[in-house]
Each structure stands twice: as C-alpha cells, then as structure tokens.
Amino acid sequence: MRFTRILILAAAIAHMAAAESLPALLDRMTKAAPGAVSFSATVRQVDYTAVVDENAESHGTIRLKRAKSSVIGVMEYTNPSPNVVHFTGGRMEKYLPKLKMLEIYDYGKYSKSVDQYLSLAFGLSGAELQKNYQVKWVGEESLGAVRVTHLELTPKDKDALKLITKIEMWIPEGQTYTIQEKLYKAGSRDTLTWIYSDAKLNPGLPDAAFDFKPPPGTARREMRN
C-alpha cells in the first residue's frame, strides 16, 4: 500500500513538473504567431439560447487565413440548414442557397473585435492576447482523449464588451491553435460554442479555398447590425 502511494505521488509530481505555466504558453504563442497563417477544421457549432434552454447544432467546415489587414475565410455548413458564411474585408456575407440570397453584414466599428475573435482559432500571439484581453488560466484538463489548456478571456475594449462578455478557449498540449471556443453573448446568458476536429495549422490550401463567390442570379441584401 505504501509503495502504491509513492507511485501516485511520483506521478503527480511528474505531471506538475510537466505542466506549462501561463507565461510560458503566452511566450510560445507569441513566437509561433508569425508562422501561423491559415487554419482549417471540421466544426460543430452549438448555439445555446438561455430563455428556452435549448441548443441548436450546426455542422460543417471552417477555413481561415490571415490577410494584410484582416482575417478572411469561409465556414460551410452542411446540416441541418446548408449555408455559407464568408468573412472578408471587414464584413460578413451569409449565402442562403435555398433562397438564392446573399446577406451582407458590415462590421463597422466592431471590425477589429471580429478579427480578434477569428484569430483566436489559430494565430493570435500571446502578446496580442494580453493586450486585448484579461487572461485567466483556468487549468489543464481533457477534452475526450486530448489534453488541453483551458483559458478564460475578458475583452478590455468597451465596444468588444457590447458583443461578447467572456470567451473560453481550449488549446491542445504543445499546440497554439484551439480545438474549442465558447463565446458568452452580451445582454443575455446565450452562448456560442465552436468545437473543432481534424484541425490543421497551415493546411497548404490554395487562396481560392478562403474565398466565396455566390452563383449567378444570387440576390443581395444589406443587413442592419
């Protein structure tokens, strides 16, 4: 029995020694950020609406890339309702194939905040993270079979807080991209969670993979935010 206790204690000490501190993680993210230019994954999106206590799930793929002044990319949802979301140049376009409609949303003064949210998935440096958020180390845990570091972020910008009050992110051990993000929407208890699988940093996709052009005959509608 005493020998078993010694083994358990030794394993606990070894885990503590291997654990990465928050400053070490942030420093590693800062060093890796210049080389993190694109990201792709399969995504499961969960929209939680508190007033009815219901989750709505969507499934698809996501591809993101750093451009000169923003993050561009495409989220293609296949079910339950097919649609395409295109992030480009300070605005979001949502294509609804059943309606043959392209809805256009201008970020306006929130452009910087939206770019920061998108960058969290794969390329925001530790220095940028600390500049834009209050960063809290929640701990190390497991998501399925993957060992992760769990962080909690609170936006420092007042305009950003009007959109999102808190963000949680889970970073796989030894990596700088996330495999899960949870956004807490301002003015409610609603949340939006993105769960990534088959995540790839710098997947080597062509530029066309991060663009979207609606088919001919598509109607366009400018949307109010």
Protein backbone atom coordinates (compact mmCIF):
# COMPACT_ATOMS: atom_id res chain seq x y z
CA MET A 1 0.00 0.00 0.00
CA ARG A 2 2.83 2.37 0.90
CA PHE A 3 4.54 1.61 -2.42
CA THR A 4 1.31 2.41 -4.30
CA ARG A 5 1.05 5.77 -2.54
CA ILE A 6 4.64 6.54 -3.50
CA LEU A 7 3.87 5.76 -7.16
CA ILE A 8 0.80 8.01 -7.10
CA LEU A 9 2.79 10.83 -5.50
CA ALA A 10 5.60 10.42 -8.04
CA ALA A 11 3.12 10.55 -10.93
CA ALA A 12 1.52 13.72 -9.51
CA ILE A 13 4.91 15.39 -9.12
CA ALA A 14 5.87 14.43 -12.67
CA HIS A 15 2.63 15.93 -14.00
CA MET A 16 3.21 19.16 -12.08
CA ALA A 17 6.73 19.39 -13.45
CA ALA A 18 5.46 18.90 -17.00
CA ALA A 19 2.63 21.41 -16.66
CA GLU A 20 3.10 24.58 -18.69
CA SER A 21 2.69 27.92 -16.95
CA LEU A 22 0.58 30.73 -18.41
CA PRO A 23 3.62 32.97 -19.13
CA ALA A 24 5.33 30.05 -20.90
CA LEU A 25 2.25 29.34 -23.02
CA LEU A 26 1.82 33.01 -23.96
CA ASP A 27 5.50 33.29 -24.86
CA ARG A 28 5.27 30.17 -27.05
CA MET A 29 2.18 31.57 -28.78
CA THR A 30 3.99 34.85 -29.47
CA LYS A 31 6.93 33.04 -31.04
CA ALA A 32 4.65 30.82 -33.17
CA ALA A 33 2.25 33.56 -34.34
CA PRO A 34 4.26 34.86 -37.34
CA GLY A 35 4.28 31.38 -38.86
CA ALA A 36 0.57 30.71 -38.27
CA VAL A 37 -1.03 31.99 -41.45
CA SER A 38 -4.01 29.69 -42.02
CA PHE A 39 -6.24 27.14 -40.35
CA SER A 40 -8.80 24.52 -41.34
CA ALA A 41 -11.05 22.15 -39.41
CA THR A 42 -14.33 20.34 -39.27
CA VAL A 43 -16.62 22.33 -36.99
CA ARG A 44 -19.60 21.58 -34.77
CA GLN A 45 -21.33 24.79 -33.76
CA VAL A 46 -23.62 24.89 -30.75
CA ASP A 47 -25.92 27.91 -30.24
CA TYR A 48 -27.39 27.96 -26.74
CA THR A 49 -30.49 30.10 -26.16
CA ALA A 50 -30.98 30.56 -22.43
CA VAL A 51 -34.58 31.83 -22.43
CA VAL A 52 -35.81 28.50 -23.82
CA ASP A 53 -32.86 26.44 -22.51
CA GLU A 54 -32.19 24.93 -25.94
CA ASN A 55 -29.15 24.07 -28.03
CA ALA A 56 -29.16 24.34 -31.81
CA GLU A 57 -26.36 22.46 -33.57
CA SER A 58 -24.83 23.06 -36.98
CA HIS A 59 -22.11 21.02 -38.70
CA GLY A 60 -19.65 21.93 -41.42
CA THR A 61 -16.09 23.05 -42.13
CA ILE A 62 -14.06 26.19 -41.48
CA ARG A 63 -11.08 27.70 -43.32
CA LEU A 64 -9.38 30.88 -42.10
CA LYS A 65 -6.39 32.86 -43.34
CA ARG A 66 -4.52 35.99 -42.31
CA ALA A 67 -4.72 38.77 -44.89
CA LYS A 68 -2.87 42.10 -44.83
CA SER A 69 -5.42 43.95 -42.72
CA SER A 70 -7.91 41.32 -41.57
CA VAL A 71 -8.76 37.65 -41.29
CA ILE A 72 -10.60 36.13 -44.24
CA GLY A 73 -12.23 32.77 -44.56
CA VAL A 74 -15.22 30.54 -45.14
CA MET A 75 -17.50 28.47 -42.95
CA GLU A 76 -19.57 25.99 -44.96
CA TYR A 77 -22.45 24.42 -43.07
CA THR A 78 -23.99 21.26 -44.47
CA ASN A 79 -26.67 20.49 -41.88
CA PRO A 80 -29.25 20.97 -40.61
CA SER A 81 -29.58 24.07 -42.84
CA PRO A 82 -27.00 24.45 -45.64
CA ASN A 83 -25.41 27.91 -45.79
CA VAL A 84 -22.04 29.57 -46.33
CA VAL A 85 -20.54 32.30 -44.15
CA HIS A 86 -17.75 34.36 -45.76
CA PHE A 87 -15.53 36.69 -43.72
CA THR A 88 -13.86 39.28 -45.91
CA GLY A 89 -12.54 42.83 -45.63
CA GLY A 90 -14.40 43.97 -42.51
CA ARG A 91 -17.71 42.38 -43.34
CA MET A 92 -19.52 39.06 -43.23
CA GLU A 93 -21.52 37.57 -46.10
CA LYS A 94 -24.03 34.78 -45.50
CA TYR A 95 -25.22 32.81 -48.51
CA LEU A 96 -28.57 31.02 -48.24
CA PRO A 97 -28.76 28.58 -51.17
CA LYS A 98 -32.46 27.75 -50.75
CA LEU A 99 -33.35 31.43 -51.10
CA LYS A 100 -30.52 32.22 -53.53
CA MET A 101 -29.80 35.16 -51.24
CA LEU A 102 -26.56 36.76 -50.03
CA GLU A 103 -26.97 38.68 -46.77
CA ILE A 104 -24.23 41.26 -46.19
CA TYR A 105 -23.28 42.46 -42.69
CA ASP A 106 -20.83 45.33 -42.21
CA TYR A 107 -18.76 45.03 -39.00
CA GLY A 108 -18.30 48.79 -38.78
CA LYS A 109 -16.58 49.79 -35.54
CA TYR A 110 -16.50 46.12 -34.46
CA SER A 111 -14.17 45.04 -37.29
CA LYS A 112 -11.12 44.84 -35.03
CA SER A 113 -13.00 42.79 -32.43
CA VAL A 114 -14.31 40.31 -35.02
CA ASP A 115 -10.81 39.84 -36.46
CA GLN A 116 -9.52 39.15 -32.96
CA TYR A 117 -12.23 36.52 -32.38
CA LEU A 118 -11.35 34.78 -35.65
CA SER A 119 -7.62 34.96 -34.89
CA LEU A 120 -8.14 33.17 -31.59
CA ALA A 121 -8.64 29.93 -33.50
CA PHE A 122 -5.11 29.78 -34.84
CA GLY A 123 -2.78 32.74 -34.77
CA LEU A 124 -3.21 35.40 -32.10
CA SER A 125 0.08 35.87 -30.27
CA GLY A 126 0.39 35.77 -26.51
CA ALA A 127 1.35 39.44 -26.53
CA GLU A 128 -1.79 40.36 -28.50
CA LEU A 129 -3.86 38.16 -26.21
CA GLN A 130 -2.68 40.07 -23.15
CA LYS A 131 -3.08 43.41 -24.91
CA ASN A 132 -6.71 42.81 -25.85
CA TYR A 133 -7.96 40.56 -23.04
CA GLN A 134 -7.72 39.89 -19.36
CA VAL A 135 -6.32 36.36 -19.50
CA LYS A 136 -7.18 33.85 -16.78
CA TRP A 137 -5.57 30.43 -16.52
CA VAL A 138 -8.42 28.01 -15.71
CA GLY A 139 -6.27 24.87 -15.73
CA GLU A 140 -5.24 21.78 -17.61
CA GLU A 141 -7.92 19.22 -18.43
CA SER A 142 -9.01 16.74 -21.08
CA LEU A 143 -11.45 17.08 -23.96
CA GLY A 144 -12.06 13.49 -24.93
CA ALA A 145 -8.63 11.96 -25.42
CA VAL A 146 -6.90 15.34 -25.93
CA ARG A 147 -5.03 17.05 -23.11
CA VAL A 148 -5.72 20.80 -23.24
CA THR A 149 -5.04 24.10 -21.51
CA HIS A 150 -8.24 25.96 -20.63
CA LEU A 151 -8.09 29.78 -20.71
CA GLU A 152 -10.73 32.41 -19.96
CA LEU A 153 -10.60 35.78 -21.73
CA THR A 154 -12.39 39.02 -20.90
CA PRO A 155 -12.23 41.74 -23.59
CA LYS A 156 -10.63 45.00 -22.49
CA ASP A 157 -12.24 47.08 -25.24
CA LYS A 158 -15.61 48.64 -24.30
CA ASP A 159 -17.05 48.15 -27.78
CA ALA A 160 -15.98 44.50 -27.78
CA LEU A 161 -17.77 44.01 -24.45
CA LYS A 162 -21.00 45.13 -26.12
CA LEU A 163 -20.79 41.96 -28.23
CA ILE A 164 -19.04 39.37 -26.07
CA THR A 165 -18.52 39.47 -22.30
CA LYS A 166 -16.27 36.42 -21.99
CA ILE A 167 -14.52 33.84 -24.15
CA GLU A 168 -13.26 30.42 -23.14
CA MET A 169 -10.69 28.61 -25.26
CA TRP A 170 -9.08 25.18 -25.08
CA ILE A 171 -5.58 24.73 -26.56
CA PRO A 172 -4.15 21.22 -27.14
CA GLU A 173 -0.93 20.39 -25.33
CA GLY A 174 2.06 21.60 -27.32
CA GLN A 175 -0.09 23.48 -29.87
CA THR A 176 -1.04 27.13 -30.42
CA TYR A 177 -4.44 26.65 -32.10
CA THR A 178 -7.71 25.94 -30.31
CA ILE A 179 -9.97 22.91 -30.57
CA GLN A 180 -12.87 24.54 -28.73
CA GLU A 181 -14.06 28.12 -28.20
CA LYS A 182 -17.06 29.33 -26.22
CA LEU A 183 -18.36 32.90 -26.55
CA TYR A 184 -20.71 34.47 -23.98
CA LYS A 185 -23.00 36.97 -25.69
CA ALA A 186 -23.57 40.38 -24.11
CA GLY A 187 -27.01 41.22 -22.73
CA SER A 188 -28.08 37.61 -22.24
CA ARG A 189 -26.98 34.21 -20.99
CA ASP A 190 -26.74 32.91 -24.56
CA THR A 191 -23.52 31.26 -25.71
CA LEU A 192 -21.92 30.20 -28.99
CA THR A 193 -19.52 27.26 -29.00
CA TRP A 194 -17.27 26.08 -31.82
CA ILE A 195 -15.85 22.57 -31.46
CA TYR A 196 -13.10 21.74 -33.95
CA SER A 197 -11.93 18.33 -35.13
CA ASP A 198 -9.32 17.37 -37.71
CA ALA A 199 -7.78 20.79 -37.04
CA LYS A 200 -4.81 21.73 -39.24
CA LEU A 201 -2.49 24.71 -38.88
CA ASN A 202 -1.21 25.98 -42.25
CA PRO A 203 -3.01 23.24 -44.24
CA GLY A 204 -1.48 24.39 -47.53
CA LEU A 205 -4.78 25.21 -49.24
CA PRO A 206 -4.93 27.49 -52.32
CA ASP A 207 -6.12 31.09 -51.95
CA ALA A 208 -9.42 30.16 -53.61
CA ALA A 209 -10.26 27.92 -50.61
CA PHE A 210 -10.61 31.03 -48.43
CA ASP A 211 -12.86 32.90 -50.86
CA PHE A 212 -16.50 32.51 -51.83
CA LYS A 213 -18.33 33.71 -54.90
CA PRO A 214 -22.12 33.26 -54.95
CA PRO A 215 -23.58 31.68 -58.08
CA PRO A 216 -25.05 33.86 -60.85
CA GLY A 217 -28.57 35.08 -60.14
CA THR A 218 -27.98 35.46 -56.41
CA ALA A 219 -29.90 38.37 -54.84
CA ARG A 220 -28.03 40.62 -52.39
CA ARG A 221 -29.37 42.24 -49.26
CA GLU A 222 -27.57 44.68 -46.97
CA MET A 223 -28.38 43.80 -43.37
CA ARG A 224 -28.50 46.10 -40.36
CA ASN A 225 -26.38 45.02 -37.39
